[in-house]
Protein backbone atom coordinates (compact mmCIF):
# COMPACT_ATOMS: atom_id res chain seq x y z
CA UNK A 1 0.00 0.00 0.00
CA UNK A 2 1.42 3.37 -1.04
CA UNK A 3 0.60 5.92 1.66
CA UNK A 4 1.78 9.42 2.53
CA UNK A 5 2.48 8.44 6.14
CA UNK A 6 5.87 8.81 7.83
CA UNK A 7 6.78 5.14 8.06
CA UNK A 8 9.95 4.15 9.90
CA UNK A 9 11.02 2.01 6.92
CA UNK A 10 9.91 1.86 3.29
CA UNK A 11 7.22 -0.43 1.91
CA UNK A 12 5.50 -1.77 5.04
CA UNK A 13 3.09 -4.67 4.89
CA UNK A 14 -0.05 -2.97 6.19
CA UNK A 15 -3.40 -3.76 7.77
CA UNK A 16 -6.25 -1.29 8.18
CA UNK A 17 -8.01 -1.39 11.57
CA UNK A 18 -10.88 0.41 13.24
CA UNK A 19 -10.96 0.65 17.03
CA UNK A 20 -14.26 -0.70 18.34
CA UNK A 21 -15.80 -0.95 21.80
CA UNK A 22 -14.26 -4.37 22.44
CA UNK A 23 -10.77 -2.82 22.22
CA UNK A 24 -11.42 -0.19 24.89
CA UNK A 25 -10.36 -0.68 28.52
CA UNK A 26 -11.42 0.93 31.79
CA UNK A 27 -9.26 3.97 31.03
CA UNK A 28 -11.25 4.74 27.89
CA UNK A 29 -8.60 3.92 25.32
CA UNK A 30 -7.37 0.89 23.41
CA UNK A 31 -5.95 -1.63 25.84
CA UNK A 32 -2.20 -2.24 25.52
CA UNK A 33 -2.78 -5.99 25.11
CA UNK A 34 -4.87 -5.26 22.00
CA UNK A 35 -1.89 -3.56 20.35
CA UNK A 36 0.25 -6.61 21.07
CA UNK A 37 -2.45 -8.91 19.70
CA UNK A 38 -2.64 -6.86 16.53
CA UNK A 39 1.13 -7.24 16.13
CA UNK A 40 0.79 -11.01 16.33
CA UNK A 41 -2.05 -10.95 13.81
CA UNK A 42 -0.24 -8.81 11.25
CA UNK A 43 2.97 -10.83 11.67
CA UNK A 44 1.03 -13.96 10.68
CA UNK A 45 -0.66 -12.14 7.78
CA UNK A 46 2.73 -11.00 6.50
CA UNK A 47 4.35 -14.38 7.04
CA UNK A 48 1.52 -16.04 5.11
CA UNK A 49 1.83 -13.47 2.31
CA UNK A 50 5.52 -14.43 2.09
CA UNK A 51 4.45 -18.05 1.49
CA UNK A 52 5.59 -19.17 4.95
CA UNK A 53 2.26 -19.75 6.67
CA UNK A 54 1.30 -22.44 9.12
CA UNK A 55 1.10 -25.20 6.47
CA UNK A 56 4.72 -24.47 5.49
CA UNK A 57 5.79 -24.38 9.13
CA UNK A 58 4.19 -27.78 9.74
CA UNK A 59 5.66 -29.31 6.58
CA UNK A 60 9.16 -28.14 7.53
CA UNK A 61 8.71 -28.83 11.27
CA UNK A 62 10.05 -25.35 11.87
CA UNK A 63 8.59 -22.12 13.24
CA UNK A 64 9.73 -18.67 14.19
CA UNK A 65 8.97 -18.29 17.91
CA UNK A 66 9.07 -15.03 19.85
CA UNK A 67 12.19 -14.72 21.99
CA UNK A 68 12.07 -11.06 22.99
CA UNK A 69 9.62 -8.20 22.51
CA UNK A 70 9.81 -4.50 23.14
CA UNK A 71 6.82 -2.17 22.78
CA UNK A 72 6.53 1.61 22.98
CA UNK A 73 3.09 3.07 23.58
CA UNK A 74 3.25 6.66 22.36
CA UNK A 75 -0.37 7.85 22.30
CA UNK A 76 -3.86 6.46 22.88
CA UNK A 77 -6.17 5.08 20.22
CA UNK A 78 -9.84 5.77 20.89
CA UNK A 79 -13.05 4.09 19.83
CA UNK A 80 -13.78 4.88 16.19
CA UNK A 81 -10.18 5.70 15.27
CA UNK A 82 -9.10 4.43 11.88
CA UNK A 83 -5.60 2.96 12.16
CA UNK A 84 -2.96 1.58 9.84
CA UNK A 85 -0.58 -1.01 11.26
CA UNK A 86 2.63 -1.63 9.36
CA UNK A 87 5.23 -4.35 9.76
CA UNK A 88 8.58 -5.28 8.30
CA UNK A 89 11.12 -8.04 8.64
CA UNK A 90 13.94 -5.82 9.85
CA UNK A 91 16.72 -8.35 9.42
CA UNK A 92 17.65 -11.98 9.70
CA UNK A 93 20.93 -13.68 10.41
CA UNK A 94 20.02 -16.47 7.97
CA UNK A 95 20.78 -19.03 10.66
CA UNK A 96 18.61 -18.84 13.77
CA UNK A 97 16.98 -15.46 14.33
CA UNK A 98 15.16 -12.55 12.76
CA UNK A 99 13.70 -9.26 13.92
CA UNK A 100 10.35 -7.76 13.00
CA UNK A 101 9.26 -4.17 13.49
CA UNK A 102 5.78 -2.69 13.92
CA UNK A 103 4.36 0.83 13.65
CA UNK A 104 0.76 1.89 14.30
CA UNK A 105 -0.46 5.14 12.73
CA UNK A 106 -3.75 6.98 13.23
CA UNK A 107 -5.05 7.75 9.74
CA UNK A 108 -6.80 11.04 10.63
CA UNK A 109 -3.64 12.89 11.60
CA UNK A 110 -0.78 10.57 10.61
CA UNK A 111 0.39 10.34 14.23
CA UNK A 112 2.39 7.27 15.25
CA UNK A 113 0.69 5.77 18.30
CA UNK A 114 2.83 2.70 18.87
CA UNK A 115 6.07 1.04 17.84
CA UNK A 116 7.27 -2.45 18.56
CA UNK A 117 10.09 -4.83 17.80
CA UNK A 118 10.18 -8.58 18.24
CA UNK A 119 13.13 -10.97 17.92
CA UNK A 120 12.19 -14.44 16.72
CA UNK A 121 14.19 -17.65 16.94
CA UNK A 122 13.74 -20.62 14.64
CA UNK A 123 12.57 -23.72 16.48
CA UNK A 124 11.78 -27.29 15.58
CA UNK A 125 8.02 -27.51 16.15
CA UNK A 126 8.07 -31.14 17.24
CA UNK A 127 10.55 -30.53 20.07
CA UNK A 128 10.44 -26.77 20.72
CA UNK A 129 14.25 -26.66 20.49
CA UNK A 130 16.15 -24.02 18.56
CA UNK A 131 17.13 -25.21 15.08
CA UNK A 132 18.79 -23.69 12.03
CA UNK A 133 16.42 -21.99 9.60
CA UNK A 134 15.45 -24.05 6.57
CA UNK A 135 16.21 -22.56 3.14
CA UNK A 136 12.58 -21.50 2.71
CA UNK A 137 12.88 -19.27 5.79
CA UNK A 138 16.30 -17.94 4.81
CA UNK A 139 15.01 -16.95 1.38
CA UNK A 140 11.51 -15.81 2.36
CA UNK A 141 12.41 -13.73 5.38
CA UNK A 142 15.77 -12.70 3.93
CA UNK A 143 14.26 -11.37 0.69
CA UNK A 144 11.66 -9.41 2.69
CA UNK A 145 14.20 -7.93 5.13
CA UNK A 146 14.72 -4.19 5.25
CA UNK A 147 18.41 -4.71 6.06
CA UNK A 148 19.92 -7.32 3.78
CA UNK A 149 22.63 -9.64 5.07
CA UNK A 150 26.11 -9.36 3.71
C-alpha atoms as a PDB file:
ATOM      1  CA  UNK A   1       0.000   0.000   0.000  1.00  0.00           C
ATOM      2  CA  UNK A   2       1.420   3.367  -1.042  1.00  0.00           C
ATOM      3  CA  UNK A   3       0.595   5.920   1.658  1.00  0.00           C
ATOM      4  CA  UNK A   4       1.780   9.424   2.535  1.00  0.00           C
ATOM      5  CA  UNK A   5       2.481   8.443   6.140  1.00  0.00           C
ATOM      6  CA  UNK A   6       5.866   8.812   7.831  1.00  0.00           C
ATOM      7  CA  UNK A   7       6.785   5.139   8.062  1.00  0.00           C
ATOM      8  CA  UNK A   8       9.947   4.150   9.903  1.00  0.00           C
ATOM      9  CA  UNK A   9      11.018   2.008   6.924  1.00  0.00           C
ATOM     10  CA  UNK A  10       9.913   1.863   3.288  1.00  0.00           C
ATOM     11  CA  UNK A  11       7.216  -0.433   1.908  1.00  0.00           C
ATOM     12  CA  UNK A  12       5.502  -1.767   5.036  1.00  0.00           C
ATOM     13  CA  UNK A  13       3.093  -4.673   4.895  1.00  0.00           C
ATOM     14  CA  UNK A  14      -0.053  -2.969   6.188  1.00  0.00           C
ATOM     15  CA  UNK A  15      -3.402  -3.764   7.766  1.00  0.00           C
ATOM     16  CA  UNK A  16      -6.255  -1.291   8.182  1.00  0.00           C
ATOM     17  CA  UNK A  17      -8.009  -1.386  11.567  1.00  0.00           C
ATOM     18  CA  UNK A  18     -10.881   0.410  13.243  1.00  0.00           C
ATOM     19  CA  UNK A  19     -10.963   0.646  17.031  1.00  0.00           C
ATOM     20  CA  UNK A  20     -14.262  -0.697  18.335  1.00  0.00           C
ATOM     21  CA  UNK A  21     -15.800  -0.953  21.803  1.00  0.00           C
ATOM     22  CA  UNK A  22     -14.259  -4.375  22.437  1.00  0.00           C
ATOM     23  CA  UNK A  23     -10.769  -2.823  22.216  1.00  0.00           C
ATOM     24  CA  UNK A  24     -11.421  -0.186  24.895  1.00  0.00           C
ATOM     25  CA  UNK A  25     -10.363  -0.677  28.516  1.00  0.00           C
ATOM     26  CA  UNK A  26     -11.419   0.933  31.785  1.00  0.00           C
ATOM     27  CA  UNK A  27      -9.257   3.975  31.034  1.00  0.00           C
ATOM     28  CA  UNK A  28     -11.255   4.735  27.892  1.00  0.00           C
ATOM     29  CA  UNK A  29      -8.601   3.923  25.316  1.00  0.00           C
ATOM     30  CA  UNK A  30      -7.370   0.892  23.409  1.00  0.00           C
ATOM     31  CA  UNK A  31      -5.952  -1.634  25.843  1.00  0.00           C
ATOM     32  CA  UNK A  32      -2.198  -2.244  25.520  1.00  0.00           C
ATOM     33  CA  UNK A  33      -2.776  -5.986  25.110  1.00  0.00           C
ATOM     34  CA  UNK A  34      -4.871  -5.264  22.005  1.00  0.00           C
ATOM     35  CA  UNK A  35      -1.889  -3.556  20.352  1.00  0.00           C
ATOM     36  CA  UNK A  36       0.252  -6.614  21.075  1.00  0.00           C
ATOM     37  CA  UNK A  37      -2.454  -8.912  19.701  1.00  0.00           C
ATOM     38  CA  UNK A  38      -2.638  -6.859  16.532  1.00  0.00           C
ATOM     39  CA  UNK A  39       1.133  -7.242  16.135  1.00  0.00           C
ATOM     40  CA  UNK A  40       0.791 -11.010  16.328  1.00  0.00           C
ATOM     41  CA  UNK A  41      -2.049 -10.950  13.811  1.00  0.00           C
ATOM     42  CA  UNK A  42      -0.238  -8.807  11.254  1.00  0.00           C
ATOM     43  CA  UNK A  43       2.972 -10.827  11.666  1.00  0.00           C
ATOM     44  CA  UNK A  44       1.026 -13.960  10.678  1.00  0.00           C
ATOM     45  CA  UNK A  45      -0.657 -12.141   7.775  1.00  0.00           C
ATOM     46  CA  UNK A  46       2.729 -10.997   6.500  1.00  0.00           C
ATOM     47  CA  UNK A  47       4.354 -14.381   7.038  1.00  0.00           C
ATOM     48  CA  UNK A  48       1.516 -16.039   5.115  1.00  0.00           C
ATOM     49  CA  UNK A  49       1.834 -13.474   2.311  1.00  0.00           C
ATOM     50  CA  UNK A  50       5.523 -14.426   2.090  1.00  0.00           C
ATOM     51  CA  UNK A  51       4.453 -18.053   1.494  1.00  0.00           C
ATOM     52  CA  UNK A  52       5.590 -19.165   4.946  1.00  0.00           C
ATOM     53  CA  UNK A  53       2.263 -19.746   6.666  1.00  0.00           C
ATOM     54  CA  UNK A  54       1.301 -22.443   9.121  1.00  0.00           C
ATOM     55  CA  UNK A  55       1.105 -25.204   6.473  1.00  0.00           C
ATOM     56  CA  UNK A  56       4.715 -24.469   5.485  1.00  0.00           C
ATOM     57  CA  UNK A  57       5.786 -24.380   9.132  1.00  0.00           C
ATOM     58  CA  UNK A  58       4.193 -27.780   9.739  1.00  0.00           C
ATOM     59  CA  UNK A  59       5.655 -29.306   6.583  1.00  0.00           C
ATOM     60  CA  UNK A  60       9.159 -28.139   7.531  1.00  0.00           C
ATOM     61  CA  UNK A  61       8.706 -28.827  11.270  1.00  0.00           C
ATOM     62  CA  UNK A  62      10.051 -25.345  11.873  1.00  0.00           C
ATOM     63  CA  UNK A  63       8.588 -22.118  13.239  1.00  0.00           C
ATOM     64  CA  UNK A  64       9.726 -18.669  14.186  1.00  0.00           C
ATOM     65  CA  UNK A  65       8.971 -18.289  17.912  1.00  0.00           C
ATOM     66  CA  UNK A  66       9.071 -15.033  19.848  1.00  0.00           C
ATOM     67  CA  UNK A  67      12.195 -14.723  21.990  1.00  0.00           C
ATOM     68  CA  UNK A  68      12.070 -11.058  22.993  1.00  0.00           C
ATOM     69  CA  UNK A  69       9.617  -8.203  22.506  1.00  0.00           C
ATOM     70  CA  UNK A  70       9.809  -4.500  23.143  1.00  0.00           C
ATOM     71  CA  UNK A  71       6.816  -2.171  22.784  1.00  0.00           C
ATOM     72  CA  UNK A  72       6.535   1.605  22.982  1.00  0.00           C
ATOM     73  CA  UNK A  73       3.086   3.069  23.582  1.00  0.00           C
ATOM     74  CA  UNK A  74       3.253   6.663  22.364  1.00  0.00           C
ATOM     75  CA  UNK A  75      -0.373   7.850  22.301  1.00  0.00           C
ATOM     76  CA  UNK A  76      -3.856   6.459  22.878  1.00  0.00           C
ATOM     77  CA  UNK A  77      -6.167   5.077  20.217  1.00  0.00           C
ATOM     78  CA  UNK A  78      -9.838   5.771  20.894  1.00  0.00           C
ATOM     79  CA  UNK A  79     -13.045   4.091  19.827  1.00  0.00           C
ATOM     80  CA  UNK A  80     -13.777   4.882  16.194  1.00  0.00           C
ATOM     81  CA  UNK A  81     -10.175   5.702  15.272  1.00  0.00           C
ATOM     82  CA  UNK A  82      -9.096   4.432  11.879  1.00  0.00           C
ATOM     83  CA  UNK A  83      -5.598   2.960  12.155  1.00  0.00           C
ATOM     84  CA  UNK A  84      -2.962   1.577   9.844  1.00  0.00           C
ATOM     85  CA  UNK A  85      -0.584  -1.007  11.257  1.00  0.00           C
ATOM     86  CA  UNK A  86       2.625  -1.635   9.358  1.00  0.00           C
ATOM     87  CA  UNK A  87       5.230  -4.352   9.763  1.00  0.00           C
ATOM     88  CA  UNK A  88       8.582  -5.277   8.296  1.00  0.00           C
ATOM     89  CA  UNK A  89      11.120  -8.040   8.638  1.00  0.00           C
ATOM     90  CA  UNK A  90      13.942  -5.816   9.847  1.00  0.00           C
ATOM     91  CA  UNK A  91      16.720  -8.353   9.422  1.00  0.00           C
ATOM     92  CA  UNK A  92      17.646 -11.985   9.700  1.00  0.00           C
ATOM     93  CA  UNK A  93      20.932 -13.685  10.411  1.00  0.00           C
ATOM     94  CA  UNK A  94      20.017 -16.472   7.974  1.00  0.00           C
ATOM     95  CA  UNK A  95      20.785 -19.025  10.664  1.00  0.00           C
ATOM     96  CA  UNK A  96      18.609 -18.844  13.767  1.00  0.00           C
ATOM     97  CA  UNK A  97      16.980 -15.460  14.328  1.00  0.00           C
ATOM     98  CA  UNK A  98      15.164 -12.551  12.757  1.00  0.00           C
ATOM     99  CA  UNK A  99      13.704  -9.260  13.915  1.00  0.00           C
ATOM    100  CA  UNK A 100      10.345  -7.762  12.995  1.00  0.00           C
ATOM    101  CA  UNK A 101       9.260  -4.169  13.486  1.00  0.00           C
ATOM    102  CA  UNK A 102       5.781  -2.686  13.919  1.00  0.00           C
ATOM    103  CA  UNK A 103       4.359   0.826  13.650  1.00  0.00           C
ATOM    104  CA  UNK A 104       0.758   1.892  14.297  1.00  0.00           C
ATOM    105  CA  UNK A 105      -0.456   5.144  12.729  1.00  0.00           C
ATOM    106  CA  UNK A 106      -3.751   6.981  13.231  1.00  0.00           C
ATOM    107  CA  UNK A 107      -5.051   7.749   9.741  1.00  0.00           C
ATOM    108  CA  UNK A 108      -6.799  11.039  10.633  1.00  0.00           C
ATOM    109  CA  UNK A 109      -3.636  12.891  11.599  1.00  0.00           C
ATOM    110  CA  UNK A 110      -0.775  10.567  10.615  1.00  0.00           C
ATOM    111  CA  UNK A 111       0.393  10.342  14.231  1.00  0.00           C
ATOM    112  CA  UNK A 112       2.391   7.272  15.249  1.00  0.00           C
ATOM    113  CA  UNK A 113       0.688   5.773  18.303  1.00  0.00           C
ATOM    114  CA  UNK A 114       2.831   2.703  18.869  1.00  0.00           C
ATOM    115  CA  UNK A 115       6.070   1.040  17.841  1.00  0.00           C
ATOM    116  CA  UNK A 116       7.275  -2.454  18.557  1.00  0.00           C
ATOM    117  CA  UNK A 117      10.086  -4.833  17.799  1.00  0.00           C
ATOM    118  CA  UNK A 118      10.181  -8.582  18.235  1.00  0.00           C
ATOM    119  CA  UNK A 119      13.127 -10.973  17.919  1.00  0.00           C
ATOM    120  CA  UNK A 120      12.192 -14.440  16.721  1.00  0.00           C
ATOM    121  CA  UNK A 121      14.191 -17.647  16.941  1.00  0.00           C
ATOM    122  CA  UNK A 122      13.736 -20.618  14.644  1.00  0.00           C
ATOM    123  CA  UNK A 123      12.569 -23.717  16.484  1.00  0.00           C
ATOM    124  CA  UNK A 124      11.780 -27.292  15.585  1.00  0.00           C
ATOM    125  CA  UNK A 125       8.022 -27.511  16.151  1.00  0.00           C
ATOM    126  CA  UNK A 126       8.068 -31.142  17.242  1.00  0.00           C
ATOM    127  CA  UNK A 127      10.546 -30.526  20.071  1.00  0.00           C
ATOM    128  CA  UNK A 128      10.444 -26.775  20.717  1.00  0.00           C
ATOM    129  CA  UNK A 129      14.251 -26.663  20.487  1.00  0.00           C
ATOM    130  CA  UNK A 130      16.152 -24.019  18.556  1.00  0.00           C
ATOM    131  CA  UNK A 131      17.135 -25.212  15.080  1.00  0.00           C
ATOM    132  CA  UNK A 132      18.793 -23.692  12.028  1.00  0.00           C
ATOM    133  CA  UNK A 133      16.423 -21.989   9.600  1.00  0.00           C
ATOM    134  CA  UNK A 134      15.454 -24.049   6.570  1.00  0.00           C
ATOM    135  CA  UNK A 135      16.214 -22.559   3.140  1.00  0.00           C
ATOM    136  CA  UNK A 136      12.576 -21.499   2.709  1.00  0.00           C
ATOM    137  CA  UNK A 137      12.881 -19.270   5.791  1.00  0.00           C
ATOM    138  CA  UNK A 138      16.304 -17.936   4.808  1.00  0.00           C
ATOM    139  CA  UNK A 139      15.013 -16.949   1.377  1.00  0.00           C
ATOM    140  CA  UNK A 140      11.511 -15.814   2.357  1.00  0.00           C
ATOM    141  CA  UNK A 141      12.410 -13.728   5.381  1.00  0.00           C
ATOM    142  CA  UNK A 142      15.769 -12.697   3.926  1.00  0.00           C
ATOM    143  CA  UNK A 143      14.262 -11.373   0.695  1.00  0.00           C
ATOM    144  CA  UNK A 144      11.663  -9.406   2.692  1.00  0.00           C
ATOM    145  CA  UNK A 145      14.195  -7.929   5.133  1.00  0.00           C
ATOM    146  CA  UNK A 146      14.719  -4.186   5.253  1.00  0.00           C
ATOM    147  CA  UNK A 147      18.413  -4.708   6.062  1.00  0.00           C
ATOM    148  CA  UNK A 148      19.923  -7.318   3.778  1.00  0.00           C
ATOM    149  CA  UNK A 149      22.633  -9.642   5.073  1.00  0.00           C
ATOM    150  CA  UNK A 150      26.112  -9.359   3.707  1.00  0.00           C
END
